[in-house]
Amino acid sequence: MSPPAKVVDETKPEDAKPEEKPRSTAEADFTKYKTAADIVNNAMKKLVALAVEGAKILDICVEGDKLIEEGTGSVYNKSVKGVKVPKGLAFPTCVSVNNCVAHFSPLASDPVSSQVLAKDDVVKLHLGAQIDGFAAVSAETLVVGASTDAPVTGRRADVIQAAWHAAEAAMRLVKVGGKNWEVTEAVAKVAAAWGCKPVEGMLSCQQSQNVIDGKKRIILNPSESQKKEFETATFAEGEVWGVDILISSGEDGKARLEESRTTVYQKDSNVTYQLKMKTSRAVFSEVQKSAGAFPFNIRSLEDEKRARLGLQEAVQHGLVKPYEVIYAPANTFVAGFHFTIALLPAGPALITQSPVWFKPELVKSDKELEDPELKELITKKLREDKKAKKKAKKAEENGEDKE
């Protein structure tokens, strides 16, 4: 693949030193991804500290969104050709507990808004930031009240270990030339080692500027019909992927809708429709201005009641899609990790950072990964050391010459 064209990075301050070499567009984009990831990581650290017994889920969600807005508001403030660099939330903060799989982010008016965290709750924190449309999204799992002196055990430990090791395997399989089905199969095998299942039908997507749900995708635990319909994808150099690993302690990994009201939505850029209701048009216009192509929470809109009414028509005609709150069966646990990875010419590079909370000493399961191939896979470096590989090859050739 030929190197990208060189251009001056116009997002740099005007007083940048003239002797600096021009940077490629790929480098400039990667810097925006990494800056967004740093903001997400700093926010995640604060949210993990807030996730204690008695904390209100609503308060954590509101604080997470505020931290992302503050973080993105402090960078890239120079206009480029007179245009402000767009930035902000790439995914609103969600706090999904125990058997809730994802997308729980209540409004103050919702009946569940008073829900608080309890000791031993399995809590998934999920949020994202974007700069100029380049998004870093991250999620991790913690257990309220756990410590090295009182580590997580039982099925809670099983599902977290399964999710983390599955994420480690996926990181190494999302590589140039690899296939999406290889990730699907490896995640299922890893989960099985802890007696767990990936959540059925969960998707990971290729990303690009202003897109976090691209057409190339990975599916977890597909149903028979999904297996037939789902397209094979090959990972290619230059791609960025948001990989979402969600594992259930349940028997089949199935999830369903419950009574929780949907609060997270996203504009579908591929659909056009002329809205009939004045309220719908006003709300849709507000969504376009405030969130653009990224998911948003109704909480961020000016009038919550009007927003709910206005979104109904937009959802009905596919202009806006809902991120529904889904649940695994009662008395099961779901653990998740989400990472953003770039397939650079020099090799894969994680954009988002390692989990803030997870450490092996905090999560003690009596099960472990035994498959030799998978064990070897997760110990490999993410990026191959090319110098070491060349050196080994040279040594091998020299050995053959001597023979």
Protein backbone atom coordinates (compact mmCIF):
# COMPACT_ATOMS: atom_id res chain seq x y z
CA MET A 1 0.00 0.00 0.00
CA SER A 2 1.45 3.38 -0.97
CA PRO A 3 2.03 5.90 1.84
CA PRO A 4 -0.64 8.59 2.28
CA ALA A 5 -0.09 12.00 0.74
CA LYS A 6 1.74 14.47 2.95
CA VAL A 7 -0.14 17.57 4.05
CA VAL A 8 0.41 20.26 6.63
CA ASP A 9 -1.54 19.44 9.79
CA GLU A 10 -3.80 22.48 10.05
CA THR A 11 -5.09 21.50 13.49
CA LYS A 12 -1.74 22.58 15.00
CA PRO A 13 -1.46 26.05 16.55
CA GLU A 14 -0.68 28.89 14.16
CA ASP A 15 2.56 29.67 15.98
CA ALA A 16 3.93 26.12 15.47
CA LYS A 17 7.64 26.04 14.66
CA PRO A 18 8.14 26.35 10.88
CA GLU A 19 10.97 23.78 10.86
CA GLU A 20 8.59 20.98 11.94
CA LYS A 21 8.10 18.36 9.22
CA PRO A 22 4.64 18.19 7.66
CA ARG A 23 2.63 15.24 9.01
CA SER A 24 0.56 12.79 7.03
CA THR A 25 -3.21 12.93 7.27
CA ALA A 26 -3.09 9.47 8.87
CA GLU A 27 -0.78 10.74 11.62
CA ALA A 28 -2.98 13.78 12.23
CA ASP A 29 -6.09 11.60 12.44
CA PHE A 30 -4.38 9.16 14.81
CA THR A 31 -3.41 12.06 17.08
CA LYS A 32 -7.07 13.07 17.28
CA TYR A 33 -8.08 9.49 18.10
CA LYS A 34 -5.42 9.31 20.83
CA THR A 35 -6.36 12.72 22.28
CA ALA A 36 -9.99 11.58 22.48
CA ALA A 37 -8.84 8.32 24.12
CA ASP A 38 -6.86 10.22 26.78
CA ILE A 39 -9.98 12.25 27.61
CA VAL A 40 -12.02 9.03 27.88
CA ASN A 41 -9.39 7.41 30.11
CA ASN A 42 -9.27 10.41 32.47
CA ALA A 43 -13.07 10.37 32.69
CA MET A 44 -13.11 6.60 33.27
CA LYS A 45 -10.68 6.94 36.20
CA LYS A 46 -13.07 9.37 37.88
CA LEU A 47 -16.14 7.24 37.16
CA VAL A 48 -14.48 4.11 38.59
CA ALA A 49 -13.78 6.08 41.78
CA LEU A 50 -17.44 7.20 41.90
CA ALA A 51 -18.81 3.65 41.44
CA VAL A 52 -19.19 2.84 45.13
CA GLU A 53 -21.97 1.44 47.28
CA GLY A 54 -24.86 3.93 47.48
CA ALA A 55 -23.86 5.94 44.38
CA LYS A 56 -26.74 6.94 42.09
CA ILE A 57 -26.40 5.59 38.56
CA LEU A 58 -27.94 8.78 37.15
CA ASP A 59 -25.27 10.91 38.89
CA ILE A 60 -22.47 8.78 37.40
CA CYS A 61 -23.98 9.09 33.90
CA VAL A 62 -24.35 12.86 34.18
CA GLU A 63 -20.81 13.24 35.54
CA GLY A 64 -19.33 11.08 32.76
CA ASP A 65 -20.93 13.19 30.03
CA LYS A 66 -19.80 16.38 31.78
CA LEU A 67 -16.19 15.13 32.01
CA ILE A 68 -16.12 14.27 28.29
CA GLU A 69 -17.56 17.67 27.32
CA GLU A 70 -15.03 19.46 29.55
CA GLY A 71 -12.15 17.38 28.24
CA THR A 72 -12.97 17.88 24.57
CA GLY A 73 -13.74 21.55 25.22
CA SER A 74 -10.12 22.17 26.29
CA VAL A 75 -8.42 20.91 23.10
CA TYR A 76 -8.36 21.76 19.36
CA ASN A 77 -9.80 25.21 19.88
CA LYS A 78 -8.08 26.83 16.89
CA SER A 79 -10.39 27.17 13.90
CA VAL A 80 -9.28 25.43 10.69
CA LYS A 81 -9.94 27.65 7.65
CA GLY A 82 -12.41 29.60 9.77
CA VAL A 83 -14.32 26.48 10.85
CA LYS A 84 -14.39 25.21 14.43
CA VAL A 85 -13.24 21.63 14.95
CA PRO A 86 -16.32 19.59 16.00
CA LYS A 87 -15.85 17.55 19.18
CA GLY A 88 -17.70 16.15 22.16
CA LEU A 89 -19.39 12.90 23.13
CA ALA A 90 -18.97 9.90 20.84
CA PHE A 91 -21.10 7.75 23.12
CA PRO A 92 -23.08 9.00 26.14
CA THR A 93 -22.13 7.50 29.51
CA CYS A 94 -24.00 4.29 30.30
CA VAL A 95 -23.88 2.36 33.58
CA SER A 96 -25.34 -1.13 33.14
CA VAL A 97 -25.52 -3.32 36.25
CA ASN A 98 -25.50 -7.11 36.76
CA ASN A 99 -27.76 -8.73 34.11
CA CYS A 100 -28.33 -5.46 32.23
CA VAL A 101 -26.28 -5.89 29.05
CA ALA A 102 -25.90 -2.30 27.86
CA HIS A 103 -27.22 1.24 27.20
CA PHE A 104 -28.65 1.98 30.67
CA SER A 105 -28.50 5.77 31.16
CA PRO A 106 -31.72 7.00 32.84
CA LEU A 107 -33.32 10.43 32.78
CA ALA A 108 -34.16 12.23 36.02
CA SER A 109 -37.87 11.75 35.18
CA ASP A 110 -37.59 7.96 34.73
CA PRO A 111 -38.94 5.72 37.50
CA VAL A 112 -35.54 3.96 37.65
CA SER A 113 -33.59 7.21 38.08
CA SER A 114 -33.26 6.63 41.84
CA GLN A 115 -31.39 3.32 41.36
CA VAL A 116 -28.17 3.14 43.37
CA LEU A 117 -25.21 0.78 43.28
CA ALA A 118 -25.05 -1.99 45.87
CA LYS A 119 -22.13 -4.01 47.21
CA ASP A 120 -21.08 -6.81 44.82
CA ASP A 121 -22.90 -5.25 41.82
CA VAL A 122 -21.20 -6.08 38.50
CA VAL A 123 -21.01 -2.65 36.84
CA LYS A 124 -20.24 -1.91 33.18
CA LEU A 125 -19.10 1.66 32.47
CA HIS A 126 -19.29 2.71 28.79
CA LEU A 127 -18.48 6.10 27.23
CA GLY A 128 -16.72 7.76 24.30
CA ALA A 129 -15.26 11.03 23.02
CA GLN A 130 -14.67 12.37 19.51
CA ILE A 131 -12.49 15.08 18.02
CA ASP A 132 -13.22 16.14 14.44
CA GLY A 133 -15.33 13.00 14.10
CA PHE A 134 -12.54 10.62 15.17
CA ALA A 135 -13.96 8.62 18.08
CA ALA A 136 -12.45 6.66 20.94
CA VAL A 137 -15.00 4.53 22.80
CA SER A 138 -14.18 2.47 25.88
CA ALA A 139 -15.98 0.20 28.33
CA GLU A 140 -14.90 -1.82 31.31
CA THR A 141 -16.36 -3.84 34.17
CA LEU A 142 -15.90 -3.51 37.93
CA VAL A 143 -17.44 -5.01 41.05
CA VAL A 144 -18.60 -2.63 43.78
CA GLY A 145 -16.67 -3.05 47.03
CA ALA A 146 -14.13 -5.59 45.74
CA SER A 147 -10.49 -5.30 46.84
CA THR A 148 -7.33 -7.41 46.92
CA ASP A 149 -8.32 -8.42 50.47
CA ALA A 150 -11.87 -9.27 49.37
CA PRO A 151 -11.55 -10.24 45.69
CA VAL A 152 -14.40 -11.13 43.35
CA THR A 153 -15.22 -14.87 43.31
CA GLY A 154 -17.87 -17.27 41.96
CA ARG A 155 -19.84 -16.52 38.78
CA ARG A 156 -19.01 -12.82 38.96
CA ALA A 157 -15.32 -13.71 38.71
CA ASP A 158 -15.95 -16.25 35.95
CA VAL A 159 -17.78 -13.80 33.70
CA ILE A 160 -15.25 -10.97 34.19
CA GLN A 161 -12.26 -13.25 33.55
CA ALA A 162 -14.02 -14.66 30.47
CA ALA A 163 -14.74 -11.16 29.12
CA TRP A 164 -11.22 -9.87 29.75
CA HIS A 165 -9.48 -12.88 28.18
CA ALA A 166 -11.90 -12.75 25.23
CA ALA A 167 -11.00 -9.07 24.75
CA GLU A 168 -7.28 -9.98 24.89
CA ALA A 169 -7.82 -12.62 22.19
CA ALA A 170 -9.89 -10.26 20.01
CA MET A 171 -7.20 -7.54 20.19
CA ARG A 172 -4.71 -9.96 18.63
CA LEU A 173 -7.07 -11.27 15.96
CA VAL A 174 -8.19 -7.88 14.64
CA LYS A 175 -5.15 -7.64 12.37
CA VAL A 176 -4.50 -7.06 8.66
CA GLY A 177 -5.65 -10.10 6.68
CA GLY A 178 -7.65 -11.59 9.56
CA LYS A 179 -11.36 -12.42 9.25
CA ASN A 180 -14.28 -11.35 11.45
CA TRP A 181 -15.39 -14.99 11.98
CA GLU A 182 -12.02 -15.79 13.58
CA VAL A 183 -12.83 -13.27 16.31
CA THR A 184 -16.36 -14.64 16.72
CA GLU A 185 -15.06 -18.20 17.18
CA ALA A 186 -12.20 -17.28 19.53
CA VAL A 187 -14.45 -15.21 21.81
CA ALA A 188 -16.90 -18.13 22.06
CA LYS A 189 -14.10 -20.59 22.90
CA VAL A 190 -12.60 -18.31 25.55
CA ALA A 191 -15.99 -17.69 27.17
CA ALA A 192 -16.65 -21.44 27.30
CA ALA A 193 -13.51 -21.97 29.42
CA TRP A 194 -15.29 -20.11 32.23
CA GLY A 195 -18.68 -21.70 31.56
CA CYS A 196 -19.98 -18.50 29.93
CA LYS A 197 -21.43 -17.39 26.59
CA PRO A 198 -21.00 -14.23 24.48
CA VAL A 199 -24.21 -12.18 24.40
CA GLU A 200 -26.12 -13.17 21.26
CA GLY A 201 -25.92 -10.84 18.28
CA MET A 202 -23.67 -8.17 19.81
CA LEU A 203 -21.79 -6.23 17.12
CA SER A 204 -18.36 -4.63 16.79
CA CYS A 205 -17.91 -2.22 13.89
CA GLN A 206 -15.32 -0.62 11.69
CA GLN A 207 -14.98 3.12 12.37
CA SER A 208 -14.04 6.12 10.27
CA GLN A 209 -14.51 9.87 10.52
CA ASN A 210 -18.05 10.52 11.87
CA VAL A 211 -18.86 6.79 11.71
CA ILE A 212 -18.75 4.36 14.66
CA ASP A 213 -21.04 1.76 13.10
CA GLY A 214 -19.46 1.04 9.72
CA LYS A 215 -20.60 -1.71 7.35
CA LYS A 216 -17.76 -4.12 8.15
CA ARG A 217 -18.65 -5.87 11.41
CA ILE A 218 -17.94 -8.67 13.87
CA ILE A 219 -20.83 -10.54 15.50
CA LEU A 220 -20.81 -12.45 18.78
CA ASN A 221 -22.72 -15.70 19.36
CA PRO A 222 -24.84 -15.43 16.18
CA SER A 223 -28.15 -17.26 15.84
CA GLU A 224 -28.52 -19.71 12.94
CA SER A 225 -30.26 -17.08 10.78
CA GLN A 226 -27.59 -14.47 11.64
CA LYS A 227 -24.85 -16.92 10.60
CA LYS A 228 -26.44 -17.27 7.16
CA GLU A 229 -27.02 -13.54 6.63
CA PHE A 230 -23.85 -12.08 8.17
CA GLU A 231 -21.13 -11.04 5.73
CA THR A 232 -17.52 -12.18 6.01
CA ALA A 233 -15.13 -9.24 6.43
CA THR A 234 -11.35 -9.08 6.11
CA PHE A 235 -9.43 -6.59 8.26
CA ALA A 236 -7.35 -4.17 6.16
CA GLU A 237 -4.50 -1.77 6.76
CA GLY A 238 -5.64 1.73 7.73
CA GLU A 239 -8.89 0.58 9.35
CA VAL A 240 -10.01 1.52 12.84
CA TRP A 241 -12.31 -0.82 14.79
CA GLY A 242 -14.43 -0.44 17.90
CA VAL A 243 -14.52 -3.91 19.45
CA ASP A 244 -17.25 -4.64 21.98
CA ILE A 245 -16.91 -7.83 24.02
CA LEU A 246 -19.97 -8.72 26.11
CA ILE A 247 -20.10 -12.04 27.96
CA SER A 248 -22.98 -13.53 29.96
CA SER A 249 -22.86 -16.07 32.77
CA GLY A 250 -26.16 -17.43 31.40
CA GLU A 251 -26.47 -20.71 29.53
CA ASP A 252 -27.20 -19.42 26.03
CA GLY A 253 -26.16 -15.75 26.00
CA LYS A 254 -29.63 -14.62 24.97
CA ALA A 255 -30.84 -11.15 25.96
CA ARG A 256 -34.24 -9.44 25.82
CA LEU A 257 -35.97 -6.10 26.22
CA GLU A 258 -37.49 -5.17 29.57
CA GLU A 259 -39.38 -2.15 30.88
CA SER A 260 -36.43 0.27 30.99
CA ARG A 261 -37.07 3.22 28.69
CA THR A 262 -34.67 3.86 25.83
CA THR A 263 -32.72 7.10 26.30
CA VAL A 264 -29.80 6.71 23.86
CA TYR A 265 -30.39 7.26 20.13
CA GLN A 266 -28.38 7.97 16.99
CA LYS A 267 -29.15 9.63 13.69
CA ASP A 268 -28.97 7.19 10.75
CA SER A 269 -27.04 9.02 8.04
CA ASN A 270 -28.14 6.51 5.38
CA VAL A 271 -31.86 7.28 5.71
CA THR A 272 -33.72 10.29 4.30
CA TYR A 273 -37.32 11.15 5.12
CA GLN A 274 -39.29 14.39 5.31
CA LEU A 275 -40.72 14.56 8.83
CA LYS A 276 -44.35 15.69 8.95
CA MET A 277 -44.71 16.98 12.52
CA LYS A 278 -43.30 20.40 13.41
CA THR A 279 -42.06 19.07 16.79
CA SER A 280 -40.29 16.15 15.06
CA ARG A 281 -38.52 18.52 12.66
CA ALA A 282 -37.42 20.82 15.50
CA VAL A 283 -36.08 17.92 17.60
CA PHE A 284 -34.30 16.33 14.62
CA SER A 285 -32.68 19.67 13.79
CA GLU A 286 -31.46 19.94 17.41
CA VAL A 287 -30.04 16.41 17.23
CA GLN A 288 -28.15 17.22 14.03
CA LYS A 289 -26.63 20.36 15.57
CA SER A 290 -25.76 18.94 18.99
CA ALA A 291 -24.76 15.31 18.27
CA GLY A 292 -24.19 15.13 14.52
CA ALA A 293 -23.56 11.52 13.50
CA PHE A 294 -22.92 10.27 17.05
CA PRO A 295 -25.22 8.66 19.63
CA PHE A 296 -26.84 11.03 22.13
CA ASN A 297 -28.92 10.86 25.29
CA ILE A 298 -32.33 12.57 25.41
CA ARG A 299 -30.96 14.21 28.57
CA SER A 300 -28.71 16.39 26.38
CA LEU A 301 -31.65 17.91 24.46
CA GLU A 302 -33.33 21.14 25.51
CA ASP A 303 -36.81 19.86 26.37
CA GLU A 304 -37.02 16.20 27.40
CA LYS A 305 -40.81 15.90 26.97
CA ARG A 306 -40.76 17.49 23.51
CA ALA A 307 -37.75 15.34 22.58
CA ARG A 308 -39.55 12.10 23.43
CA LEU A 309 -42.53 13.19 21.34
CA GLY A 310 -40.43 14.43 18.42
CA LEU A 311 -38.23 11.33 18.30
CA GLN A 312 -41.21 8.99 17.89
CA GLU A 313 -41.77 9.90 14.24
CA ALA A 314 -38.03 9.94 13.48
CA VAL A 315 -37.58 6.44 14.97
CA GLN A 316 -40.71 5.14 13.20
CA HIS A 317 -39.24 6.10 9.81
CA GLY A 318 -35.65 5.03 10.58
CA LEU A 319 -34.14 8.53 10.65
CA VAL A 320 -33.04 7.88 14.22
CA LYS A 321 -32.23 4.47 15.67
CA PRO A 322 -32.63 3.51 19.34
CA TYR A 323 -29.96 1.87 21.51
CA GLU A 324 -32.35 -0.28 23.47
CA VAL A 325 -31.69 -1.35 27.06
CA ILE A 326 -31.43 -5.14 27.00
CA TYR A 327 -31.12 -7.73 29.75
CA ALA A 328 -29.80 -11.26 30.22
CA PRO A 329 -32.00 -13.52 32.42
CA ALA A 330 -32.41 -12.65 36.11
CA ASN A 331 -29.68 -13.91 38.46
CA THR A 332 -27.05 -13.88 35.72
CA PHE A 333 -24.20 -11.42 35.22
CA VAL A 334 -22.86 -9.69 32.12
CA ALA A 335 -19.31 -8.35 31.87
CA GLY A 336 -17.99 -6.21 29.06
CA PHE A 337 -14.88 -4.55 27.69
CA HIS A 338 -14.81 -2.23 24.67
CA PHE A 339 -11.61 -1.08 22.99
CA THR A 340 -10.74 0.98 19.91
CA ILE A 341 -7.86 -0.29 17.76
CA ALA A 342 -6.12 1.03 14.64
CA LEU A 343 -4.47 -1.18 11.99
CA LEU A 344 -1.50 1.02 11.18
CA PRO A 345 1.23 0.26 8.57
CA ALA A 346 3.64 -0.54 11.44
CA GLY A 347 1.11 -2.92 13.01
CA PRO A 348 -1.99 -2.82 15.25
CA ALA A 349 -2.12 -0.05 17.86
CA LEU A 350 -4.62 0.27 20.69
CA ILE A 351 -6.18 3.73 20.67
CA THR A 352 -7.97 3.37 24.00
CA GLN A 353 -6.07 2.51 27.17
CA SER A 354 -6.04 -0.54 29.44
CA PRO A 355 -8.88 -0.93 31.96
CA VAL A 356 -8.68 1.31 35.01
CA TRP A 357 -10.18 -1.17 37.50
CA PHE A 358 -9.39 -4.68 36.28
CA LYS A 359 -6.37 -6.46 37.76
CA PRO A 360 -5.95 -10.25 38.05
CA GLU A 361 -5.58 -10.04 41.84
CA LEU A 362 -9.05 -8.46 42.12
CA VAL A 363 -10.84 -11.29 40.29
CA LYS A 364 -10.27 -14.87 41.49
CA SER A 365 -11.93 -17.64 39.49
CA ASP A 366 -11.29 -21.35 40.03
CA LYS A 367 -11.43 -21.81 36.25
CA GLU A 368 -8.77 -20.94 33.68
CA LEU A 369 -8.05 -21.01 29.97
CA GLU A 370 -6.67 -24.40 28.95
CA ASP A 371 -6.74 -24.30 25.14
CA PRO A 372 -3.00 -24.19 24.19
CA GLU A 373 -3.54 -22.15 21.00
CA LEU A 374 -5.62 -19.50 22.77
CA LYS A 375 -3.20 -19.39 25.71
CA GLU A 376 -0.36 -18.75 23.28
CA LEU A 377 -2.41 -16.16 21.38
CA ILE A 378 -3.15 -13.94 24.39
CA THR A 379 0.52 -13.90 25.46
CA LYS A 380 1.67 -12.58 22.06
CA LYS A 381 2.63 -8.95 21.67
CA LEU A 382 -0.03 -6.89 19.96
CA ARG A 383 2.50 -5.60 17.45
CA GLU A 384 5.14 -7.87 16.00
CA ASP A 385 8.74 -6.83 16.66
CA LYS A 386 9.95 -6.62 13.06
CA LYS A 387 13.63 -6.16 14.00
CA ALA A 388 13.55 -9.27 16.19
CA LYS A 389 11.78 -11.20 13.42
CA LYS A 390 14.42 -10.15 10.85
CA LYS A 391 17.20 -11.05 13.29
CA ALA A 392 15.69 -14.50 13.91
CA LYS A 393 15.27 -15.08 10.18
CA LYS A 394 18.88 -14.06 9.51
CA ALA A 395 20.15 -16.36 12.26
CA GLU A 396 18.09 -19.20 10.76
CA GLU A 397 19.52 -18.54 7.28
CA ASN A 398 23.08 -18.42 8.66
CA GLY A 399 22.47 -21.73 10.40
CA GLU A 400 21.33 -23.29 7.12
CA ASP A 401 24.40 -21.92 5.31
CA LYS A 402 26.73 -23.58 7.83
CA GLU A 403 25.06 -26.91 7.24
